[in-house]
Amino acid sequence: MLYPINKINMAKTIEKYPVELDDYECTLIINNVMIFGTLKATITRLSKQEGTHNIQMSLDEMGELSGWLAAESNHAESQKKSDELGELCDYFESLILNVK
């Protein structure tokens, strides 16, 4: 006998965590990482505003950003850019570890 699937049980709640980024870090992400949707719109908007910003991100979003940042850091055209991207990658990896 088949039982109906309870849609409420299938709904997956995605938890979001605060991530502090300044306008320069937002610009680094926009210029070097492939991001889409709401997260891209939020980071693009914040990259144009001075100061530190609190962005809500899921673990998946942080993990994807971390992976892109690591790859771009390894292939950066200058040592300075490689260091900046690497430090930002380390920041996201530490956030992920603190959440888990």
PDB file of N, CA and C in Angstrom:
ATOM      1  N   MET A   1       0.829  -1.161   0.000  1.00  0.00           N
ATOM      2  CA  MET A   1       0.000   0.000   0.000  1.00  0.00           C
ATOM      3  C   MET A   1       0.892   1.249   0.000  1.00  0.00           C
ATOM      4  N   LEU A   2       0.566   2.245  -0.815  1.00  0.00           N
ATOM      5  CA  LEU A   2       1.307   3.489  -0.885  1.00  0.00           C
ATOM      6  C   LEU A   2       0.708   4.499   0.077  1.00  0.00           C
ATOM      7  N   TYR A   3       1.547   5.221   0.715  1.00  0.00           N
ATOM      8  CA  TYR A   3       1.117   6.245   1.642  1.00  0.00           C
ATOM      9  C   TYR A   3       1.441   7.615   1.043  1.00  0.00           C
ATOM     10  N   PRO A   4       0.635   8.605   1.296  1.00  0.00           N
ATOM     11  CA  PRO A   4       0.926   9.942   0.771  1.00  0.00           C
ATOM     12  C   PRO A   4       2.171  10.522   1.444  1.00  0.00           C
ATOM     13  N   ILE A   5       2.913  11.266   0.660  1.00  0.00           N
ATOM     14  CA  ILE A   5       4.121  11.898   1.176  1.00  0.00           C
ATOM     15  C   ILE A   5       3.737  13.218   1.817  1.00  0.00           C
ATOM     16  N   ASN A   6       4.192  13.404   3.009  1.00  0.00           N
ATOM     17  CA  ASN A   6       3.927  14.632   3.723  1.00  0.00           C
ATOM     18  C   ASN A   6       4.887  15.708   3.216  1.00  0.00           C
ATOM     19  N   LYS A   7       4.354  16.706   2.549  1.00  0.00           N
ATOM     20  CA  LYS A   7       5.187  17.746   1.951  1.00  0.00           C
ATOM     21  C   LYS A   7       5.946  18.544   2.998  1.00  0.00           C
ATOM     22  N   ILE A   8       5.408  18.636   4.161  1.00  0.00           N
ATOM     23  CA  ILE A   8       6.083  19.390   5.219  1.00  0.00           C
ATOM     24  C   ILE A   8       7.397  18.700   5.576  1.00  0.00           C
ATOM     25  N   ASN A   9       7.391  17.371   5.626  1.00  0.00           N
ATOM     26  CA  ASN A   9       8.605  16.637   5.954  1.00  0.00           C
ATOM     27  C   ASN A   9       9.641  16.742   4.846  1.00  0.00           C
ATOM     28  N   MET A  10       9.200  16.957   3.618  1.00  0.00           N
ATOM     29  CA  MET A  10      10.125  17.047   2.496  1.00  0.00           C
ATOM     30  C   MET A  10      10.769  18.425   2.403  1.00  0.00           C
ATOM     31  N   ALA A  11      10.141  19.412   2.991  1.00  0.00           N
ATOM     32  CA  ALA A  11      10.690  20.767   2.920  1.00  0.00           C
ATOM     33  C   ALA A  11      11.999  20.808   3.697  1.00  0.00           C
ATOM     34  N   LYS A  12      13.035  21.264   3.029  1.00  0.00           N
ATOM     35  CA  LYS A  12      14.350  21.325   3.653  1.00  0.00           C
ATOM     36  C   LYS A  12      14.628  22.770   4.051  1.00  0.00           C
ATOM     37  N   THR A  13      14.835  22.983   5.317  1.00  0.00           N
ATOM     38  CA  THR A  13      15.157  24.307   5.798  1.00  0.00           C
ATOM     39  C   THR A  13      16.653  24.534   5.609  1.00  0.00           C
ATOM     40  N   ILE A  14      16.985  25.609   4.942  1.00  0.00           N
ATOM     41  CA  ILE A  14      18.383  25.934   4.716  1.00  0.00           C
ATOM     42  C   ILE A  14      18.798  26.979   5.742  1.00  0.00           C
ATOM     43  N   GLU A  15      19.716  26.587   6.596  1.00  0.00           N
ATOM     44  CA  GLU A  15      20.183  27.514   7.616  1.00  0.00           C
ATOM     45  C   GLU A  15      21.212  28.461   7.016  1.00  0.00           C
ATOM     46  N   LYS A  16      21.118  29.709   7.423  1.00  0.00           N
ATOM     47  CA  LYS A  16      22.057  30.731   6.961  1.00  0.00           C
ATOM     48  C   LYS A  16      22.817  31.274   8.163  1.00  0.00           C
ATOM     49  N   TYR A  17      24.049  31.652   7.919  1.00  0.00           N
ATOM     50  CA  TYR A  17      24.936  32.121   8.974  1.00  0.00           C
ATOM     51  C   TYR A  17      25.512  33.489   8.591  1.00  0.00           C
ATOM     52  N   PRO A  18      25.779  34.330   9.572  1.00  0.00           N
ATOM     53  CA  PRO A  18      26.320  35.658   9.254  1.00  0.00           C
ATOM     54  C   PRO A  18      27.779  35.578   8.810  1.00  0.00           C
ATOM     55  N   VAL A  19      28.070  36.294   7.754  1.00  0.00           N
ATOM     56  CA  VAL A  19      29.426  36.382   7.224  1.00  0.00           C
ATOM     57  C   VAL A  19      29.756  37.865   7.087  1.00  0.00           C
ATOM     58  N   GLU A  20      30.828  38.289   7.722  1.00  0.00           N
ATOM     59  CA  GLU A  20      31.237  39.691   7.629  1.00  0.00           C
ATOM     60  C   GLU A  20      32.232  39.857   6.494  1.00  0.00           C
ATOM     61  N   LEU A  21      31.900  40.733   5.559  1.00  0.00           N
ATOM     62  CA  LEU A  21      32.777  41.062   4.441  1.00  0.00           C
ATOM     63  C   LEU A  21      32.824  42.567   4.284  1.00  0.00           C
ATOM     64  N   ASP A  22      34.007  43.084   3.986  1.00  0.00           N
ATOM     65  CA  ASP A  22      34.060  44.516   3.692  1.00  0.00           C
ATOM     66  C   ASP A  22      33.877  44.732   2.194  1.00  0.00           C
ATOM     67  N   ASP A  23      33.790  45.998   1.796  1.00  0.00           N
ATOM     68  CA  ASP A  23      33.516  46.305   0.391  1.00  0.00           C
ATOM     69  C   ASP A  23      34.607  45.765  -0.528  1.00  0.00           C
ATOM     70  N   TYR A  24      35.873  45.781  -0.090  1.00  0.00           N
ATOM     71  CA  TYR A  24      36.959  45.266  -0.928  1.00  0.00           C
ATOM     72  C   TYR A  24      36.846  43.753  -1.112  1.00  0.00           C
ATOM     73  N   GLU A  25      36.523  43.040  -0.040  1.00  0.00           N
ATOM     74  CA  GLU A  25      36.353  41.586  -0.139  1.00  0.00           C
ATOM     75  C   GLU A  25      35.189  41.242  -1.061  1.00  0.00           C
ATOM     76  N   CYS A  26      34.112  42.031  -0.975  1.00  0.00           N
ATOM     77  CA  CYS A  26      32.978  41.829  -1.882  1.00  0.00           C
ATOM     78  C   CYS A  26      33.420  42.009  -3.331  1.00  0.00           C
ATOM     79  N   THR A  27      34.230  43.031  -3.588  1.00  0.00           N
ATOM     80  CA  THR A  27      34.736  43.280  -4.935  1.00  0.00           C
ATOM     81  C   THR A  27      35.624  42.137  -5.410  1.00  0.00           C
ATOM     82  N   LEU A  28      36.481  41.622  -4.524  1.00  0.00           N
ATOM     83  CA  LEU A  28      37.321  40.470  -4.881  1.00  0.00           C
ATOM     84  C   LEU A  28      36.461  39.280  -5.307  1.00  0.00           C
ATOM     85  N   ILE A  29      35.398  39.032  -4.571  1.00  0.00           N
ATOM     86  CA  ILE A  29      34.517  37.908  -4.890  1.00  0.00           C
ATOM     87  C   ILE A  29      33.843  38.140  -6.242  1.00  0.00           C
ATOM     88  N   ILE A  30      33.276  39.311  -6.445  1.00  0.00           N
ATOM     89  CA  ILE A  30      32.572  39.621  -7.697  1.00  0.00           C
ATOM     90  C   ILE A  30      33.501  39.479  -8.897  1.00  0.00           C
ATOM     91  N   ASN A  31      34.747  39.942  -8.758  1.00  0.00           N
ATOM     92  CA  ASN A  31      35.674  39.948  -9.887  1.00  0.00           C
ATOM     93  C   ASN A  31      36.372  38.615 -10.138  1.00  0.00           C
ATOM     94  N   ASN A  32      36.279  37.665  -9.184  1.00  0.00           N
ATOM     95  CA  ASN A  32      37.067  36.438  -9.326  1.00  0.00           C
ATOM     96  C   ASN A  32      36.297  35.140  -9.152  1.00  0.00           C
ATOM     97  N   VAL A  33      35.050  35.200  -8.733  1.00  0.00           N
ATOM     98  CA  VAL A  33      34.306  33.985  -8.407  1.00  0.00           C
ATOM     99  C   VAL A  33      33.016  33.948  -9.204  1.00  0.00           C
ATOM    100  N   MET A  34      32.641  32.756  -9.655  1.00  0.00           N
ATOM    101  CA  MET A  34      31.366  32.609 -10.353  1.00  0.00           C
ATOM    102  C   MET A  34      30.264  32.382  -9.312  1.00  0.00           C
ATOM    103  N   ILE A  35      29.449  33.395  -9.103  1.00  0.00           N
ATOM    104  CA  ILE A  35      28.309  33.281  -8.206  1.00  0.00           C
ATOM    105  C   ILE A  35      27.072  33.768  -8.944  1.00  0.00           C
ATOM    106  N   PHE A  36      25.925  33.312  -8.492  1.00  0.00           N
ATOM    107  CA  PHE A  36      24.688  33.598  -9.204  1.00  0.00           C
ATOM    108  C   PHE A  36      23.579  33.979  -8.234  1.00  0.00           C
ATOM    109  N   GLY A  37      22.492  34.456  -8.786  1.00  0.00           N
ATOM    110  CA  GLY A  37      21.259  34.665  -8.049  1.00  0.00           C
ATOM    111  C   GLY A  37      21.331  35.757  -7.001  1.00  0.00           C
ATOM    112  N   THR A  38      20.603  35.505  -5.926  1.00  0.00           N
ATOM    113  CA  THR A  38      20.465  36.479  -4.855  1.00  0.00           C
ATOM    114  C   THR A  38      21.802  36.814  -4.212  1.00  0.00           C
ATOM    115  N   LEU A  39      22.645  35.806  -4.036  1.00  0.00           N
ATOM    116  CA  LEU A  39      23.950  36.046  -3.412  1.00  0.00           C
ATOM    117  C   LEU A  39      24.781  36.996  -4.271  1.00  0.00           C
ATOM    118  N   LYS A  40      24.772  36.808  -5.579  1.00  0.00           N
ATOM    119  CA  LYS A  40      25.514  37.700  -6.474  1.00  0.00           C
ATOM    120  C   LYS A  40      24.970  39.122  -6.385  1.00  0.00           C
ATOM    121  N   ALA A  41      23.657  39.259  -6.398  1.00  0.00           N
ATOM    122  CA  ALA A  41      23.045  40.587  -6.315  1.00  0.00           C
ATOM    123  C   ALA A  41      23.415  41.278  -5.009  1.00  0.00           C
ATOM    124  N   THR A  42      23.378  40.533  -3.906  1.00  0.00           N
ATOM    125  CA  THR A  42      23.706  41.106  -2.599  1.00  0.00           C
ATOM    126  C   THR A  42      25.161  41.539  -2.542  1.00  0.00           C
ATOM    127  N   ILE A  43      26.065  40.676  -2.969  1.00  0.00           N
ATOM    128  CA  ILE A  43      27.496  41.003  -2.894  1.00  0.00           C
ATOM    129  C   ILE A  43      27.837  42.132  -3.859  1.00  0.00           C
ATOM    130  N   THR A  44      27.227  42.153  -5.034  1.00  0.00           N
ATOM    131  CA  THR A  44      27.463  43.242  -5.988  1.00  0.00           C
ATOM    132  C   THR A  44      27.028  44.579  -5.391  1.00  0.00           C
ATOM    133  N   ARG A  45      25.862  44.606  -4.786  1.00  0.00           N
ATOM    134  CA  ARG A  45      25.352  45.838  -4.171  1.00  0.00           C
ATOM    135  C   ARG A  45      26.269  46.299  -3.044  1.00  0.00           C
ATOM    136  N   LEU A  46      26.722  45.369  -2.211  1.00  0.00           N
ATOM    137  CA  LEU A  46      27.560  45.725  -1.066  1.00  0.00           C
ATOM    138  C   LEU A  46      28.971  46.125  -1.478  1.00  0.00           C
ATOM    139  N   SER A  47      29.435  45.632  -2.624  1.00  0.00           N
ATOM    140  CA  SER A  47      30.779  45.992  -3.079  1.00  0.00           C
ATOM    141  C   SER A  47      30.864  47.480  -3.410  1.00  0.00           C
ATOM    142  N   LYS A  48      29.711  48.109  -3.624  1.00  0.00           N
ATOM    143  CA  LYS A  48      29.669  49.532  -3.974  1.00  0.00           C
ATOM    144  C   LYS A  48      29.468  50.432  -2.750  1.00  0.00           C
ATOM    145  N   GLN A  49      29.380  49.811  -1.572  1.00  0.00           N
ATOM    146  CA  GLN A  49      29.185  50.564  -0.333  1.00  0.00           C
ATOM    147  C   GLN A  49      30.399  50.353   0.570  1.00  0.00           C
ATOM    148  N   GLU A  50      30.875  51.422   1.161  1.00  0.00           N
ATOM    149  CA  GLU A  50      32.032  51.315   2.048  1.00  0.00           C
ATOM    150  C   GLU A  50      31.643  50.685   3.374  1.00  0.00           C
ATOM    151  N   GLY A  51      32.618  50.045   3.997  1.00  0.00           N
ATOM    152  CA  GLY A  51      32.400  49.492   5.332  1.00  0.00           C
ATOM    153  C   GLY A  51      32.327  47.988   5.351  1.00  0.00           C
ATOM    154  N   THR A  52      31.998  47.471   6.521  1.00  0.00           N
ATOM    155  CA  THR A  52      31.848  46.033   6.734  1.00  0.00           C
ATOM    156  C   THR A  52      30.374  45.679   6.675  1.00  0.00           C
ATOM    157  N   HIS A  53      30.083  44.570   6.015  1.00  0.00           N
ATOM    158  CA  HIS A  53      28.699  44.166   5.796  1.00  0.00           C
ATOM    159  C   HIS A  53      28.468  42.758   6.333  1.00  0.00           C
ATOM    160  N   ASN A  54      27.292  42.530   6.889  1.00  0.00           N
ATOM    161  CA  ASN A  54      26.876  41.217   7.365  1.00  0.00           C
ATOM    162  C   ASN A  54      26.010  40.576   6.296  1.00  0.00           C
ATOM    163  N   ILE A  55      26.466  39.467   5.746  1.00  0.00           N
ATOM    164  CA  ILE A  55      25.724  38.755   4.704  1.00  0.00           C
ATOM    165  C   ILE A  55      25.329  37.399   5.256  1.00  0.00           C
ATOM    166  N   GLN A  56      24.112  36.988   5.014  1.00  0.00           N
ATOM    167  CA  GLN A  56      23.643  35.674   5.445  1.00  0.00           C
ATOM    168  C   GLN A  56      23.937  34.658   4.343  1.00  0.00           C
ATOM    169  N   MET A  57      24.703  33.607   4.675  1.00  0.00           N
ATOM    170  CA  MET A  57      25.067  32.572   3.696  1.00  0.00           C
ATOM    171  C   MET A  57      24.851  31.187   4.278  1.00  0.00           C
ATOM    172  N   SER A  58      24.499  30.273   3.405  1.00  0.00           N
ATOM    173  CA  SER A  58      24.380  28.871   3.805  1.00  0.00           C
ATOM    174  C   SER A  58      25.766  28.228   3.780  1.00  0.00           C
ATOM    175  N   LEU A  59      25.884  27.061   4.392  1.00  0.00           N
ATOM    176  CA  LEU A  59      27.151  26.320   4.356  1.00  0.00           C
ATOM    177  C   LEU A  59      27.529  25.977   2.923  1.00  0.00           C
ATOM    178  N   ASP A  60      26.544  25.633   2.101  1.00  0.00           N
ATOM    179  CA  ASP A  60      26.824  25.315   0.699  1.00  0.00           C
ATOM    180  C   ASP A  60      27.408  26.515  -0.029  1.00  0.00           C
ATOM    181  N   GLU A  61      26.828  27.689   0.197  1.00  0.00           N
ATOM    182  CA  GLU A  61      27.342  28.901  -0.445  1.00  0.00           C
ATOM    183  C   GLU A  61      28.764  29.195   0.009  1.00  0.00           C
ATOM    184  N   MET A  62      29.017  29.052   1.314  1.00  0.00           N
ATOM    185  CA  MET A  62      30.367  29.291   1.821  1.00  0.00           C
ATOM    186  C   MET A  62      31.358  28.283   1.240  1.00  0.00           C
ATOM    187  N   GLY A  63      30.934  27.037   1.133  1.00  0.00           N
ATOM    188  CA  GLY A  63      31.802  26.000   0.573  1.00  0.00           C
ATOM    189  C   GLY A  63      32.126  26.253  -0.894  1.00  0.00           C
ATOM    190  N   GLU A  64      31.114  26.652  -1.663  1.00  0.00           N
ATOM    191  CA  GLU A  64      31.344  26.953  -3.075  1.00  0.00           C
ATOM    192  C   GLU A  64      32.290  28.138  -3.225  1.00  0.00           C
ATOM    193  N   LEU A  65      32.063  29.189  -2.459  1.00  0.00           N
ATOM    194  CA  LEU A  65      32.940  30.350  -2.518  1.00  0.00           C
ATOM    195  C   LEU A  65      34.375  29.977  -2.145  1.00  0.00           C
ATOM    196  N   SER A  66      34.515  29.182  -1.122  1.00  0.00           N
ATOM    197  CA  SER A  66      35.839  28.760  -0.677  1.00  0.00           C
ATOM    198  C   SER A  66      36.567  28.006  -1.787  1.00  0.00           C
ATOM    199  N   GLY A  67      35.869  27.115  -2.464  1.00  0.00           N
ATOM    200  CA  GLY A  67      36.470  26.357  -3.555  1.00  0.00           C
ATOM    201  C   GLY A  67      36.901  27.235  -4.714  1.00  0.00           C
ATOM    202  N   TRP A  68      36.031  28.168  -5.102  1.00  0.00           N
ATOM    203  CA  TRP A  68      36.362  29.098  -6.189  1.00  0.00           C
ATOM    204  C   TRP A  68      37.549  29.970  -5.797  1.00  0.00           C
ATOM    205  N   LEU A  69      37.546  30.470  -4.570  1.00  0.00           N
ATOM    206  CA  LEU A  69      38.633  31.335  -4.124  1.00  0.00           C
ATOM    207  C   LEU A  69      39.969  30.591  -4.117  1.00  0.00           C
ATOM    208  N   ALA A  70      39.953  29.337  -3.690  1.00  0.00           N
ATOM    209  CA  ALA A  70      41.185  28.537  -3.687  1.00  0.00           C
ATOM    210  C   ALA A  70      41.708  28.355  -5.108  1.00  0.00           C
ATOM    211  N   ALA A  71      40.823  28.021  -6.025  1.00  0.00           N
ATOM    212  CA  ALA A  71      41.233  27.824  -7.415  1.00  0.00           C
ATOM    213  C   ALA A  71      41.786  29.110  -8.022  1.00  0.00           C
ATOM    214  N   GLU A  72      41.084  30.203  -7.792  1.00  0.00           N
ATOM    215  CA  GLU A  72      41.538  31.482  -8.342  1.00  0.00           C
ATOM    216  C   GLU A  72      42.834  31.938  -7.692  1.00  0.00           C
ATOM    217  N   SER A  73      43.013  31.647  -6.416  1.00  0.00           N
ATOM    218  CA  SER A  73      44.257  31.995  -5.727  1.00  0.00           C
ATOM    219  C   SER A  73      45.438  31.258  -6.356  1.00  0.00           C
ATOM    220  N   ASN A  74      45.235  30.008  -6.702  1.00  0.00           N
ATOM    221  CA  ASN A  74      46.304  29.206  -7.307  1.00  0.00           C
ATOM    222  C   ASN A  74      46.674  29.685  -8.704  1.00  0.00           C
ATOM    223  N   HIS A  75      45.778  30.379  -9.378  1.00  0.00           N
ATOM    224  CA  HIS A  75      46.013  30.794 -10.767  1.00  0.00           C
ATOM    225  C   HIS A  75      46.033  32.316 -10.933  1.00  0.00           C
ATOM    226  N   ALA A  76      46.208  33.032  -9.849  1.00  0.00           N
ATOM    227  CA  ALA A  76      46.202  34.499  -9.895  1.00  0.00           C
ATOM    228  C   ALA A  76      47.412  35.017 -10.669  1.00  0.00           C
ATOM    229  N   GLU A  77      47.227  36.192 -11.290  1.00  0.00           N
ATOM    230  CA  GLU A  77      48.313  36.756 -12.103  1.00  0.00           C
ATOM    231  C   GLU A  77      49.389  37.457 -11.275  1.00  0.00           C
ATOM    232  N   SER A  78      49.132  37.711 -10.007  1.00  0.00           N
ATOM    233  CA  SER A  78      50.153  38.330  -9.156  1.00  0.00           C
ATOM    234  C   SER A  78      50.157  37.676  -7.782  1.00  0.00           C
ATOM    235  N   GLN A  79      51.273  37.800  -7.103  1.00  0.00           N
ATOM    236  CA  GLN A  79      51.396  37.233  -5.763  1.00  0.00           C
ATOM    237  C   GLN A  79      50.448  37.925  -4.788  1.00  0.00           C
ATOM    238  N   LYS A  80      50.303  39.247  -4.949  1.00  0.00           N
ATOM    239  CA  LYS A  80      49.418  40.004  -4.054  1.00  0.00           C
ATOM    240  C   LYS A  80      47.977  39.510  -4.178  1.00  0.00           C
ATOM    241  N   LYS A  81      47.517  39.349  -5.410  1.00  0.00           N
ATOM    242  CA  LYS A  81      46.148  38.879  -5.617  1.00  0.00           C
ATOM    243  C   LYS A  81      45.987  37.443  -5.117  1.00  0.00           C
ATOM    244  N   SER A  82      47.001  36.628  -5.335  1.00  0.00           N
ATOM    245  CA  SER A  82      46.966  35.250  -4.840  1.00  0.00           C
ATOM    246  C   SER A  82      46.839  35.224  -3.322  1.00  0.00           C
ATOM    247  N   ASP A  83      47.608  36.083  -2.651  1.00  0.00           N
ATOM    248  CA  ASP A  83      47.557  36.151  -1.185  1.00  0.00           C
ATOM    249  C   ASP A  83      46.183  36.619  -0.694  1.00  0.00           C
ATOM    250  N   GLU A  84      45.646  37.651  -1.342  1.00  0.00           N
ATOM    251  CA  GLU A  84      44.335  38.178  -0.931  1.00  0.00           C
ATOM    252  C   GLU A  84      43.237  37.132  -1.099  1.00  0.00           C
ATOM    253  N   LEU A  85      43.239  36.449  -2.239  1.00  0.00           N
ATOM    254  CA  LEU A  85      42.227  35.419  -2.479  1.00  0.00           C
ATOM    255  C   LEU A  85      42.417  34.244  -1.531  1.00  0.00           C
ATOM    256  N   GLY A  86      43.668  33.889  -1.256  1.00  0.00           N
ATOM    257  CA  GLY A  86      43.964  32.794  -0.328  1.00  0.00           C
ATOM    258  C   GLY A  86      43.505  33.106   1.086  1.00  0.00           C
ATOM    259  N   GLU A  87      43.718  34.351   1.522  1.00  0.00           N
ATOM    260  CA  GLU A  87      43.269  34.750   2.860  1.00  0.00           C
ATOM    261  C   GLU A  87      41.744  34.726   2.967  1.00  0.00           C
ATOM    262  N   LEU A  88      41.070  35.158   1.912  1.00  0.00           N
ATOM    263  CA  LEU A  88      39.611  35.131   1.905  1.00  0.00           C
ATOM    264  C   LEU A  88      39.101  33.691   1.910  1.00  0.00           C
ATOM    265  N   CYS A  89      39.787  32.825   1.171  1.00  0.00           N
ATOM    266  CA  CYS A  89      39.449  31.396   1.177  1.00  0.00           C
ATOM    267  C   CYS A  89      39.601  30.825   2.593  1.00  0.00           C
ATOM    268  N   ASP A  90      40.713  31.137   3.242  1.00  0.00           N
ATOM    269  CA  ASP A  90      40.943  30.666   4.617  1.00  0.00           C
ATOM    270  C   ASP A  90      39.853  31.151   5.560  1.00  0.00           C
ATOM    271  N   TYR A  91      39.404  32.385   5.368  1.00  0.00           N
ATOM    272  CA  TYR A  91      38.339  32.947   6.192  1.00  0.00           C
ATOM    273  C   TYR A  91      37.059  32.122   6.051  1.00  0.00           C
ATOM    274  N   PHE A  92      36.674  31.811   4.812  1.00  0.00           N
ATOM    275  CA  PHE A  92      35.462  31.019   4.597  1.00  0.00           C
ATOM    276  C   PHE A  92      35.615  29.607   5.153  1.00  0.00           C
ATOM    277  N   GLU A  93      36.796  29.014   5.000  1.00  0.00           N
ATOM    278  CA  GLU A  93      37.023  27.677   5.546  1.00  0.00           C
ATOM    279  C   GLU A  93      36.929  27.671   7.065  1.00  0.00           C
ATOM    280  N   SER A  94      37.421  28.727   7.712  1.00  0.00           N
ATOM    281  CA  SER A  94      37.325  28.796   9.182  1.00  0.00           C
ATOM    282  C   SER A  94      35.874  28.976   9.625  1.00  0.00           C
ATOM    283  N   LEU A  95      35.105  29.751   8.864  1.00  0.00           N
ATOM    284  CA  LEU A  95      33.675  29.895   9.179  1.00  0.00           C
ATOM    285  C   LEU A  95      32.957  28.541   9.098  1.00  0.00           C
ATOM    286  N   ILE A  96      33.257  27.803   8.053  1.00  0.00           N
ATOM    287  CA  ILE A  96      32.629  26.491   7.860  1.00  0.00           C
ATOM    288  C   ILE A  96      32.971  25.570   9.024  1.00  0.00           C
ATOM    289  N   LEU A  97      34.238  25.546   9.420  1.00  0.00           N
ATOM    290  CA  LEU A  97      34.648  24.694  10.533  1.00  0.00           C
ATOM    291  C   LEU A  97      33.984  25.102  11.842  1.00  0.00           C
ATOM    292  N   ASN A  98      33.797  26.406  12.040  1.00  0.00           N
ATOM    293  CA  ASN A  98      33.159  26.869  13.269  1.00  0.00           C
ATOM    294  C   ASN A  98      31.689  26.504  13.322  1.00  0.00           C
ATOM    295  N   VAL A  99      31.046  26.411  12.170  1.00  0.00           N
ATOM    296  CA  VAL A  99      29.627  26.063  12.131  1.00  0.00           C
ATOM    297  C   VAL A  99      29.438  24.568  12.368  1.00  0.00           C
ATOM    298  N   LYS A 100      30.321  23.776  11.796  1.00  0.00           N
ATOM    299  CA  LYS A 100      30.199  22.308  11.924  1.00  0.00           C
ATOM    300  C   LYS A 100      30.608  21.911  13.280  1.00  0.00           C
TER     301      LYS A 100
END
